[in-house]
């Protein structure tokens, strides 16, 4: 029996050896658990990644929406200021006294000059609003502020006027208006420093003179198909080579002017800031802040075209610079009246000496400060008599008509992830809204709006 059992055992052992180890079920559970853990790990990682990505995307969408709303809010604040300015200007006109305008009492010509401060108070952080309040004698803690200051993000406002620029849409005005526009452009291009621009080819391959460039800008906008200043001669500027045609109509944005033949990057860098397509055709002297524009006005309105100062570029530039600096010394930007501008151009030294005497006392006088014409001064600046009739055709001195508003909203402290939105608009106080139900909001509207 023992021998039979031993033989049976050996036979079973041999059979198991022949079958091999893969027929055993030992370790199957371990393999199953490892596979399950791997699958769960992959699914968990995928789920976690999706959740993180979704959360970040939702936060980005939220912040983008916040930045958009902040920029829109800034434009709403700007509109409130612009309508308030219209009310203040109307009240002053009704009284017939400029002194009744509260802005004049504060030494400002327009409420929009306070727009950066107002934007900081409303659209800055709580800390910025509290700091601003403390500067005006209202010490408060940031947590005590209600209704002003933002918990997240900030916005700023910049409001300027286009009234001191050359309006290219006036190319569709009367013949006299078009002639005035042509003269303004030529005067803007007057100085010899710009000779390289007109002696070399533009980026689109066009060689032109100052007169041809001015005519090209007018012909791009005016509605007729003939060349400016040449009756019956068709416009031939080669726009077909560039893949488009002249608009021959009012342009909608100043950026469209870059399509004019000859207006390349170099030209636009030099002259682009002096063009607009909004407002009146007359340059508003209250908004003139560039010696280039002043020099152009002097050239166009001089009573004597042969005056020595007009043929000497250095003298003309010094005259324009002196007129501008004298006005700035008086604490003003721009000129309150056409007569005040003409008087200062005709006697720049007298105007400067008067300002010096008012600012520093009679005993100092012009000589003590080395004013132009004084001994040891930089030299005499020769004035130019202006023709009032010519001057009245190209300039005015009234309230602002157009405002260029730039609202910038920022969200996020870290520059790497900061979100910024920018809205630019142009407000025209003379435009009438036909769809407004409230008559109070009928006068004045946005004529340009761009979101970036």
Protein backbone atom coordinates (compact mmCIF):
# COMPACT_ATOMS: atom_id res chain seq x y z
CA UNK A 1 0.00 0.00 0.00
CA UNK A 2 2.80 2.36 0.86
CA UNK A 3 4.46 1.65 -2.46
CA UNK A 4 1.21 2.31 -4.33
CA UNK A 5 0.68 5.66 -2.54
CA UNK A 6 4.23 6.72 -3.24
CA UNK A 7 3.88 5.87 -6.92
CA UNK A 8 0.59 7.76 -7.10
CA UNK A 9 2.16 10.81 -5.45
CA UNK A 10 5.09 10.77 -7.85
CA UNK A 11 2.75 10.43 -10.81
CA UNK A 12 0.75 13.47 -9.68
CA UNK A 13 3.90 15.48 -9.11
CA UNK A 14 5.13 14.65 -12.61
CA UNK A 15 1.82 15.69 -14.12
CA UNK A 16 1.92 19.03 -12.33
CA UNK A 17 5.46 19.61 -13.55
CA UNK A 18 4.42 18.90 -17.14
CA UNK A 19 1.51 21.34 -16.93
CA UNK A 20 3.83 24.28 -15.91
CA UNK A 21 3.30 27.19 -13.46
CA UNK A 22 0.77 29.08 -15.68
CA UNK A 23 -1.94 26.68 -14.75
CA UNK A 24 -1.87 27.82 -11.09
CA UNK A 25 -4.36 30.51 -9.80
CA UNK A 26 -2.05 31.87 -7.19
CA UNK A 27 -1.38 35.78 -7.62
CA UNK A 28 -4.48 36.47 -9.75
CA UNK A 29 -5.96 38.69 -7.07
CA UNK A 30 -2.77 40.75 -6.85
CA UNK A 31 -2.77 41.33 -10.61
CA UNK A 32 -6.45 42.32 -10.60
CA UNK A 33 -5.91 44.78 -7.77
CA UNK A 34 -2.91 46.35 -9.54
CA UNK A 35 -4.92 46.75 -12.74
CA UNK A 36 -7.82 48.28 -10.83
CA UNK A 37 -5.53 50.73 -9.05
CA UNK A 38 -3.96 51.76 -12.37
CA UNK A 39 -7.35 52.39 -13.97
CA UNK A 40 -8.56 54.34 -10.94
CA UNK A 41 -5.35 56.39 -10.92
CA UNK A 42 -5.77 57.30 -14.60
CA UNK A 43 -9.43 58.20 -14.12
CA UNK A 44 -8.68 60.25 -11.00
CA UNK A 45 -5.86 62.12 -12.72
CA UNK A 46 -8.07 62.84 -15.74
CA UNK A 47 -10.91 63.99 -13.51
CA UNK A 48 -8.58 66.20 -11.47
CA UNK A 49 -7.06 67.73 -14.61
CA UNK A 50 -10.49 68.42 -16.08
CA UNK A 51 -11.68 69.97 -12.83
CA UNK A 52 -8.59 72.18 -12.56
CA UNK A 53 -8.80 73.24 -16.20
CA UNK A 54 -12.50 73.97 -15.87
CA UNK A 55 -11.94 75.99 -12.72
CA UNK A 56 -9.16 78.05 -14.31
CA UNK A 57 -11.24 78.58 -17.47
CA UNK A 58 -14.23 79.66 -15.42
CA UNK A 59 -12.05 82.05 -13.39
CA UNK A 60 -10.56 83.49 -16.59
CA UNK A 61 -14.03 83.92 -18.09
CA UNK A 62 -15.20 85.58 -14.89
CA UNK A 63 -12.21 87.95 -14.84
CA UNK A 64 -12.60 88.76 -18.52
CA UNK A 65 -16.24 89.60 -17.93
CA UNK A 66 -15.32 91.71 -14.91
CA UNK A 67 -12.71 93.60 -16.95
CA UNK A 68 -15.25 94.18 -19.73
CA UNK A 69 -17.79 95.52 -17.26
CA UNK A 70 -15.16 97.72 -15.60
CA UNK A 71 -14.26 99.28 -18.95
CA UNK A 72 -17.94 99.78 -19.76
CA UNK A 73 -18.45 101.36 -16.34
CA UNK A 74 -15.57 103.75 -17.00
CA UNK A 75 -17.23 104.85 -20.24
CA UNK A 76 -20.49 105.38 -18.35
CA UNK A 77 -18.65 107.59 -15.86
CA UNK A 78 -17.17 109.51 -18.78
CA UNK A 79 -20.61 110.05 -20.29
CA UNK A 80 -21.90 111.38 -16.98
CA UNK A 81 -19.01 113.86 -16.88
CA UNK A 82 -19.58 114.93 -20.47
CA UNK A 83 -23.29 115.52 -19.92
CA UNK A 84 -22.50 117.40 -16.70
CA UNK A 85 -20.06 119.58 -18.64
CA UNK A 86 -22.79 120.33 -21.20
CA UNK A 87 -25.09 121.40 -18.37
CA UNK A 88 -22.41 123.61 -16.80
CA UNK A 89 -21.57 125.20 -20.14
CA UNK A 90 -25.24 125.82 -20.88
CA UNK A 91 -25.76 127.41 -17.46
CA UNK A 92 -22.77 129.71 -17.98
CA UNK A 93 -24.03 130.74 -21.43
CA UNK A 94 -27.47 131.44 -20.00
CA UNK A 95 -25.95 133.73 -17.38
CA UNK A 96 -23.77 135.39 -19.99
CA UNK A 97 -20.79 135.25 -17.66
CA UNK A 98 -17.94 132.78 -17.83
CA UNK A 99 -17.31 133.36 -14.16
CA UNK A 100 -20.60 131.64 -13.36
CA UNK A 101 -19.06 128.39 -14.56
CA UNK A 102 -17.80 126.53 -11.47
CA UNK A 103 -14.93 125.09 -13.52
CA UNK A 104 -13.65 128.58 -14.23
CA UNK A 105 -13.70 129.33 -10.52
CA UNK A 106 -11.55 126.23 -9.96
CA UNK A 107 -9.06 127.33 -12.59
CA UNK A 108 -10.15 124.70 -15.11
CA UNK A 109 -11.92 125.14 -18.40
CA UNK A 110 -13.69 121.80 -18.40
CA UNK A 111 -14.87 119.26 -15.84
CA UNK A 112 -13.19 116.52 -17.87
CA UNK A 113 -9.84 117.87 -16.72
CA UNK A 114 -10.64 116.22 -13.37
CA UNK A 115 -11.49 112.87 -14.99
CA UNK A 116 -8.32 111.06 -13.77
CA UNK A 117 -9.05 112.07 -10.17
CA UNK A 118 -12.73 111.15 -10.44
CA UNK A 119 -11.88 107.81 -12.04
CA UNK A 120 -9.45 107.05 -9.21
CA UNK A 121 -12.10 107.85 -6.61
CA UNK A 122 -14.76 105.68 -8.25
CA UNK A 123 -12.79 103.02 -10.07
CA UNK A 124 -9.63 102.69 -8.01
CA UNK A 125 -8.98 100.31 -5.16
CA UNK A 126 -10.30 101.07 -1.68
CA UNK A 127 -6.81 102.10 -0.64
CA UNK A 128 -6.48 104.51 -3.59
CA UNK A 129 -9.87 106.06 -2.88
CA UNK A 130 -8.98 106.48 0.80
CA UNK A 131 -5.63 108.06 -0.11
CA UNK A 132 -7.39 110.46 -2.49
CA UNK A 133 -9.90 111.38 0.20
CA UNK A 134 -7.10 112.11 2.67
CA UNK A 135 -5.45 114.52 0.20
CA UNK A 136 -8.58 116.68 0.22
CA UNK A 137 -8.81 116.66 4.01
CA UNK A 138 -11.13 113.69 4.52
CA UNK A 139 -9.10 111.05 6.38
CA UNK A 140 -10.98 107.75 6.18
CA UNK A 141 -10.11 104.09 6.42
CA UNK A 142 -10.50 101.92 3.32
CA UNK A 143 -13.01 99.65 5.11
CA UNK A 144 -15.21 102.67 5.94
CA UNK A 145 -15.78 103.58 2.29
CA UNK A 146 -19.17 102.81 0.81
CA UNK A 147 -20.10 103.13 -2.84
CA UNK A 148 -16.64 104.08 -4.10
CA UNK A 149 -13.51 102.09 -4.60
CA UNK A 150 -13.39 98.57 -6.01
CA UNK A 151 -12.63 95.34 -4.21
CA UNK A 152 -11.17 93.77 -7.35
CA UNK A 153 -9.60 95.54 -10.31
CA UNK A 154 -9.46 99.21 -11.21
CA UNK A 155 -10.16 101.49 -14.16
CA UNK A 156 -8.76 104.78 -15.41
CA UNK A 157 -10.00 107.50 -17.75
CA UNK A 158 -8.26 109.78 -20.21
CA UNK A 159 -10.39 112.44 -21.90
CA UNK A 160 -8.93 114.67 -24.59
CA UNK A 161 -10.41 116.75 -27.39
CA UNK A 162 -9.91 116.44 -31.15
CA UNK A 163 -10.96 120.06 -31.74
CA UNK A 164 -7.37 121.26 -32.09
CA UNK A 165 -6.67 118.94 -35.03
CA UNK A 166 -7.18 119.09 -38.80
CA UNK A 167 -10.49 117.51 -39.85
CA UNK A 168 -10.01 115.48 -43.06
CA UNK A 169 -13.75 114.90 -43.51
CA UNK A 170 -13.97 118.60 -44.37
CA UNK A 171 -12.79 117.53 -47.82
CA UNK A 172 -16.52 117.10 -48.51
CA UNK A 173 -17.28 120.70 -47.59
CA UNK A 174 -17.57 123.75 -49.82
CA UNK A 175 -14.87 124.77 -52.29
CA UNK A 176 -13.56 127.33 -49.80
CA UNK A 177 -13.50 124.74 -47.02
CA UNK A 178 -11.54 122.35 -49.24
CA UNK A 179 -9.09 125.10 -50.15
CA UNK A 180 -8.61 125.88 -46.46
CA UNK A 181 -8.02 122.19 -45.74
CA UNK A 182 -5.45 121.97 -48.55
CA UNK A 183 -3.66 125.04 -47.16
CA UNK A 184 -3.68 123.59 -43.63
CA UNK A 185 -2.09 120.36 -44.84
CA UNK A 186 0.57 122.20 -46.82
CA UNK A 187 1.37 124.37 -43.82
CA UNK A 188 1.65 121.26 -41.63
CA UNK A 189 4.21 119.80 -44.07
CA UNK A 190 6.06 123.13 -44.40
CA UNK A 191 9.33 122.65 -42.53
CA UNK A 192 12.47 121.46 -44.32
CA UNK A 193 12.98 118.81 -41.66
CA UNK A 194 10.29 116.81 -43.48
CA UNK A 195 12.11 116.90 -46.85
CA UNK A 196 13.31 113.26 -46.56
CA UNK A 197 9.68 112.14 -46.34
CA UNK A 198 8.82 113.74 -49.67
CA UNK A 199 12.11 113.09 -51.49
CA UNK A 200 12.08 109.33 -51.08
CA UNK A 201 9.51 106.73 -52.02
CA UNK A 202 6.84 105.86 -49.55
CA UNK A 203 6.36 102.29 -48.37
CA UNK A 204 3.81 101.71 -51.15
CA UNK A 205 6.32 102.89 -53.76
CA UNK A 206 4.98 106.38 -54.45
CA UNK A 207 7.19 109.45 -54.81
CA UNK A 208 5.25 112.65 -54.18
CA UNK A 209 5.62 116.32 -53.36
CA UNK A 210 3.99 118.07 -50.44
CA UNK A 211 1.25 119.40 -52.72
CA UNK A 212 0.58 115.95 -54.20
CA UNK A 213 0.34 114.36 -50.76
CA UNK A 214 -2.11 117.00 -49.55
CA UNK A 215 -4.20 116.56 -52.72
CA UNK A 216 -4.13 112.75 -52.32
CA UNK A 217 -5.55 113.00 -48.80
CA UNK A 218 -8.37 115.27 -49.96
CA UNK A 219 -9.13 113.15 -53.05
CA UNK A 220 -9.37 109.98 -50.97
CA UNK A 221 -12.19 111.51 -48.91
CA UNK A 222 -14.08 113.87 -51.23
CA UNK A 223 -17.03 112.49 -53.20
CA UNK A 224 -15.97 113.61 -56.67
CA UNK A 225 -13.78 111.57 -58.99
CA UNK A 226 -11.57 114.43 -60.23
CA UNK A 227 -8.14 115.43 -58.97
CA UNK A 228 -8.10 118.27 -56.47
CA UNK A 229 -7.19 121.60 -58.08
CA UNK A 230 -7.35 120.23 -61.63
CA UNK A 231 -10.76 120.36 -63.28
CA UNK A 232 -11.61 117.44 -65.50
CA UNK A 233 -8.47 115.48 -64.58
CA UNK A 234 -9.34 112.05 -63.13
CA UNK A 235 -7.80 110.80 -59.93
CA UNK A 236 -4.88 108.56 -60.80
CA UNK A 237 -3.13 107.44 -57.65
CA UNK A 238 -2.65 103.79 -58.54
CA UNK A 239 -4.90 102.35 -55.84
CA UNK A 240 -5.63 99.39 -58.11
CA UNK A 241 -2.02 98.31 -57.59
CA UNK A 242 -2.69 98.22 -53.84
CA UNK A 243 -5.85 96.12 -54.20
CA UNK A 244 -8.47 98.69 -53.21
CA UNK A 245 -10.01 101.99 -54.32
CA UNK A 246 -10.28 105.46 -52.83
CA UNK A 247 -13.27 105.72 -50.54
CA UNK A 248 -14.55 109.00 -52.04
CA UNK A 249 -16.80 109.51 -49.07
CA UNK A 250 -16.66 110.47 -45.40
CA UNK A 251 -14.28 108.19 -43.51
CA UNK A 252 -15.48 106.52 -40.32
CA UNK A 253 -12.22 106.30 -38.38
CA UNK A 254 -8.86 108.03 -38.45
CA UNK A 255 -7.26 104.64 -39.08
CA UNK A 256 -8.80 104.67 -42.55
CA UNK A 257 -6.54 107.60 -43.44
CA UNK A 258 -3.63 105.17 -43.42
CA UNK A 259 -5.04 103.77 -46.67
CA UNK A 260 -4.34 107.07 -48.46
CA UNK A 261 -1.58 106.72 -51.06
CA UNK A 262 1.73 107.84 -49.58
CA UNK A 263 0.61 107.55 -45.94
CA UNK A 264 3.07 104.99 -44.64
CA UNK A 265 4.38 104.28 -41.14
CA UNK A 266 6.93 107.09 -41.26
CA UNK A 267 4.39 109.64 -42.47
CA UNK A 268 1.82 108.58 -39.88
CA UNK A 269 4.35 108.74 -37.05
CA UNK A 270 5.16 112.36 -37.95
CA UNK A 271 1.70 113.67 -38.75
CA UNK A 272 -0.94 111.15 -37.63
CA UNK A 273 -1.59 112.83 -34.28
CA UNK A 274 -2.65 116.06 -36.03
CA UNK A 275 -5.56 114.55 -37.98
CA UNK A 276 -9.14 113.91 -37.00
CA UNK A 277 -12.42 113.22 -38.78
CA UNK A 278 -14.75 114.56 -36.09
CA UNK A 279 -16.06 117.96 -35.15
CA UNK A 280 -15.92 121.31 -36.90
CA UNK A 281 -13.71 122.31 -39.82
CA UNK A 282 -12.20 125.23 -37.90
CA UNK A 283 -9.32 124.49 -35.53
CA UNK A 284 -10.34 125.33 -31.96
CA UNK A 285 -7.63 127.54 -30.46
CA UNK A 286 -8.62 126.43 -26.97
CA UNK A 287 -7.34 122.94 -27.80
CA UNK A 288 -4.15 123.86 -29.65
CA UNK A 289 -1.11 122.57 -27.78
CA UNK A 290 1.45 122.00 -30.53
CA UNK A 291 3.90 124.52 -32.01
CA UNK A 292 3.48 122.79 -35.38
CA UNK A 293 -0.21 123.70 -35.51
CA UNK A 294 0.49 127.25 -34.32
CA UNK A 295 3.15 127.67 -37.01
CA UNK A 296 0.68 126.39 -39.63
CA UNK A 297 -1.95 128.89 -38.48
CA UNK A 298 0.56 131.77 -38.63
CA UNK A 299 1.56 130.76 -42.15
CA UNK A 300 -2.04 130.70 -43.34
CA UNK A 301 -3.28 133.87 -41.61
CA UNK A 302 -0.29 136.21 -42.00
CA UNK A 303 -1.27 139.65 -43.27
CA UNK A 304 1.99 139.93 -45.23
CA UNK A 305 2.96 136.78 -47.11
CA UNK A 306 6.46 138.20 -47.61
CA UNK A 307 7.14 138.72 -43.91
CA UNK A 308 10.74 137.67 -43.08
CA UNK A 309 9.62 135.35 -40.29
CA UNK A 310 7.60 133.29 -42.77
CA UNK A 311 10.57 132.60 -45.02
CA UNK A 312 12.91 131.74 -42.14
CA UNK A 313 11.88 128.40 -40.63
CA UNK A 314 13.90 128.95 -37.48
CA UNK A 315 12.23 132.30 -36.78
CA UNK A 316 8.79 130.85 -37.45
CA UNK A 317 9.41 127.93 -35.12
CA UNK A 318 10.74 130.21 -32.36
CA UNK A 319 7.68 132.43 -32.72
CA UNK A 320 5.29 129.48 -32.48
CA UNK A 321 7.21 128.07 -29.52
CA UNK A 322 7.23 131.42 -27.71
CA UNK A 323 3.50 131.89 -28.24
CA UNK A 324 2.78 128.42 -26.85
CA UNK A 325 5.13 128.75 -23.86
CA UNK A 326 3.75 132.17 -22.97
CA UNK A 327 0.25 130.76 -22.90
CA UNK A 328 1.40 127.87 -20.72
CA UNK A 329 3.12 130.27 -18.32
CA UNK A 330 -0.24 131.92 -17.91
CA UNK A 331 -1.53 128.60 -16.60
CA UNK A 332 -3.71 127.95 -19.62
CA UNK A 333 -3.79 125.30 -22.31
CA UNK A 334 -5.02 126.80 -25.54
CA UNK A 335 -6.32 130.30 -26.18
CA UNK A 336 -9.54 131.83 -24.90
CA UNK A 337 -10.21 133.98 -27.97
CA UNK A 338 -9.06 134.58 -31.52
CA UNK A 339 -8.07 138.16 -30.65
CA UNK A 340 -5.93 136.99 -27.72
CA UNK A 341 -4.09 134.58 -30.01
CA UNK A 342 -3.56 137.22 -32.69
CA UNK A 343 -2.31 139.77 -30.15
CA UNK A 344 0.20 137.31 -28.75
CA UNK A 345 1.47 136.38 -32.23
CA UNK A 346 1.87 140.05 -33.16
CA UNK A 347 3.73 140.94 -29.95
CA UNK A 348 5.19 137.78 -28.40
CA UNK A 349 7.80 139.63 -26.34
CA UNK A 350 5.25 141.99 -24.85
CA UNK A 351 3.03 139.08 -23.89
CA UNK A 352 5.92 137.20 -22.31
CA UNK A 353 7.10 140.24 -20.35
CA UNK A 354 3.56 140.81 -19.10
CA UNK A 355 3.36 137.22 -17.85
CA UNK A 356 6.78 137.48 -16.18
CA UNK A 357 5.75 140.69 -14.43
CA UNK A 358 2.52 139.10 -13.19
CA UNK A 359 4.22 135.90 -12.05
CA UNK A 360 7.45 137.25 -10.53
CA UNK A 361 6.86 140.94 -9.90
CA UNK A 362 7.50 144.16 -11.75
CA UNK A 363 10.95 144.63 -10.25
CA UNK A 364 12.32 141.56 -12.03
CA UNK A 365 11.10 142.58 -15.44
CA UNK A 366 11.97 140.84 -18.64
CA UNK A 367 15.70 141.60 -18.37
CA UNK A 368 16.09 139.92 -15.00
CA UNK A 369 14.85 136.61 -16.40
CA UNK A 370 16.73 136.76 -19.67
CA UNK A 371 13.58 136.95 -21.74
CA UNK A 372 13.76 137.12 -25.51
CA UNK A 373 15.01 140.50 -26.61
CA UNK A 374 16.66 141.28 -23.27
CA UNK A 375 20.37 141.63 -22.82
CA UNK A 376 21.79 138.16 -22.32
CA UNK A 377 18.52 136.58 -23.49
CA UNK A 378 18.17 134.05 -26.26
CA UNK A 379 17.44 136.67 -28.89
CA UNK A 380 14.56 138.72 -30.18
CA UNK A 381 11.44 136.97 -31.41
CA UNK A 382 9.79 138.86 -34.21
CA UNK A 383 6.01 138.99 -34.24
CA UNK A 384 3.76 138.62 -37.27
CA UNK A 385 0.60 140.62 -37.94
CA UNK A 386 -2.34 138.35 -38.70
CA UNK A 387 -5.24 139.04 -41.04
CA UNK A 388 -8.33 138.68 -38.83
CA UNK A 389 -10.52 137.68 -41.76
CA UNK A 390 -8.15 134.90 -42.84
CA UNK A 391 -7.72 133.83 -39.25
CA UNK A 392 -11.47 133.63 -38.71
CA UNK A 393 -11.83 131.23 -41.65
CA UNK A 394 -9.52 128.60 -40.22
CA UNK A 395 -9.78 128.87 -36.42
CA UNK A 396 -12.33 129.36 -33.67
CA UNK A 397 -12.21 129.71 -29.89
CA UNK A 398 -15.25 128.14 -28.29
CA UNK A 399 -16.43 125.26 -26.17
CA UNK A 400 -15.22 121.79 -26.97
CA UNK A 401 -17.31 119.86 -29.45
CA UNK A 402 -15.59 116.48 -29.57
CA UNK A 403 -14.01 114.42 -26.82
CA UNK A 404 -11.82 111.37 -27.31
CA UNK A 405 -12.30 109.07 -24.30
CA UNK A 406 -9.98 106.18 -23.48
CA UNK A 407 -11.05 103.84 -20.68
CA UNK A 408 -8.62 101.20 -19.41
CA UNK A 409 -9.64 98.44 -17.00
CA UNK A 410 -7.18 96.16 -15.20
CA UNK A 411 -7.80 93.06 -13.15
CA UNK A 412 -5.13 91.08 -11.32
CA UNK A 413 -2.08 92.04 -9.30
CA UNK A 414 0.41 89.76 -11.05
CA UNK A 415 1.53 91.20 -14.40
CA UNK A 416 1.90 87.71 -15.86
CA UNK A 417 -1.82 86.98 -15.46
CA UNK A 418 -3.20 90.52 -15.45
CA UNK A 419 -6.23 91.08 -17.67
CA UNK A 420 -6.59 94.43 -19.38
CA UNK A 421 -9.45 95.84 -21.42
CA UNK A 422 -9.41 99.10 -23.35
CA UNK A 423 -12.34 101.01 -24.81
CA UNK A 424 -11.88 104.08 -26.97
CA UNK A 425 -14.75 106.33 -27.95
CA UNK A 426 -15.40 109.75 -29.44
CA UNK A 427 -18.22 111.86 -28.05
CA UNK A 428 -19.74 114.63 -30.17
CA UNK A 429 -21.71 117.21 -28.20
CA UNK A 430 -23.52 118.46 -31.32
CA UNK A 431 -24.89 115.10 -32.46
CA UNK A 432 -28.59 114.58 -31.87
CA UNK A 433 -29.82 111.15 -30.83
CA UNK A 434 -33.08 110.39 -32.66
CA UNK A 435 -33.90 107.28 -30.63
CA UNK A 436 -33.69 108.75 -27.12
CA UNK A 437 -37.03 108.97 -25.34
CA UNK A 438 -35.71 111.31 -22.69
CA UNK A 439 -35.06 114.77 -24.20
CA UNK A 440 -32.28 115.32 -21.66
CA UNK A 441 -30.22 112.65 -23.42
CA UNK A 442 -30.93 113.71 -26.98
CA UNK A 443 -28.05 116.14 -27.36
CA UNK A 444 -24.67 114.46 -27.63
CA UNK A 445 -23.78 110.86 -28.40
CA UNK A 446 -20.94 108.47 -29.17
CA UNK A 447 -19.87 108.67 -32.82
CA UNK A 448 -17.01 106.18 -32.48
CA UNK A 449 -16.60 103.12 -30.25
CA UNK A 450 -13.79 100.56 -30.26
CA UNK A 451 -13.14 97.78 -27.76
CA UNK A 452 -9.77 96.08 -27.42
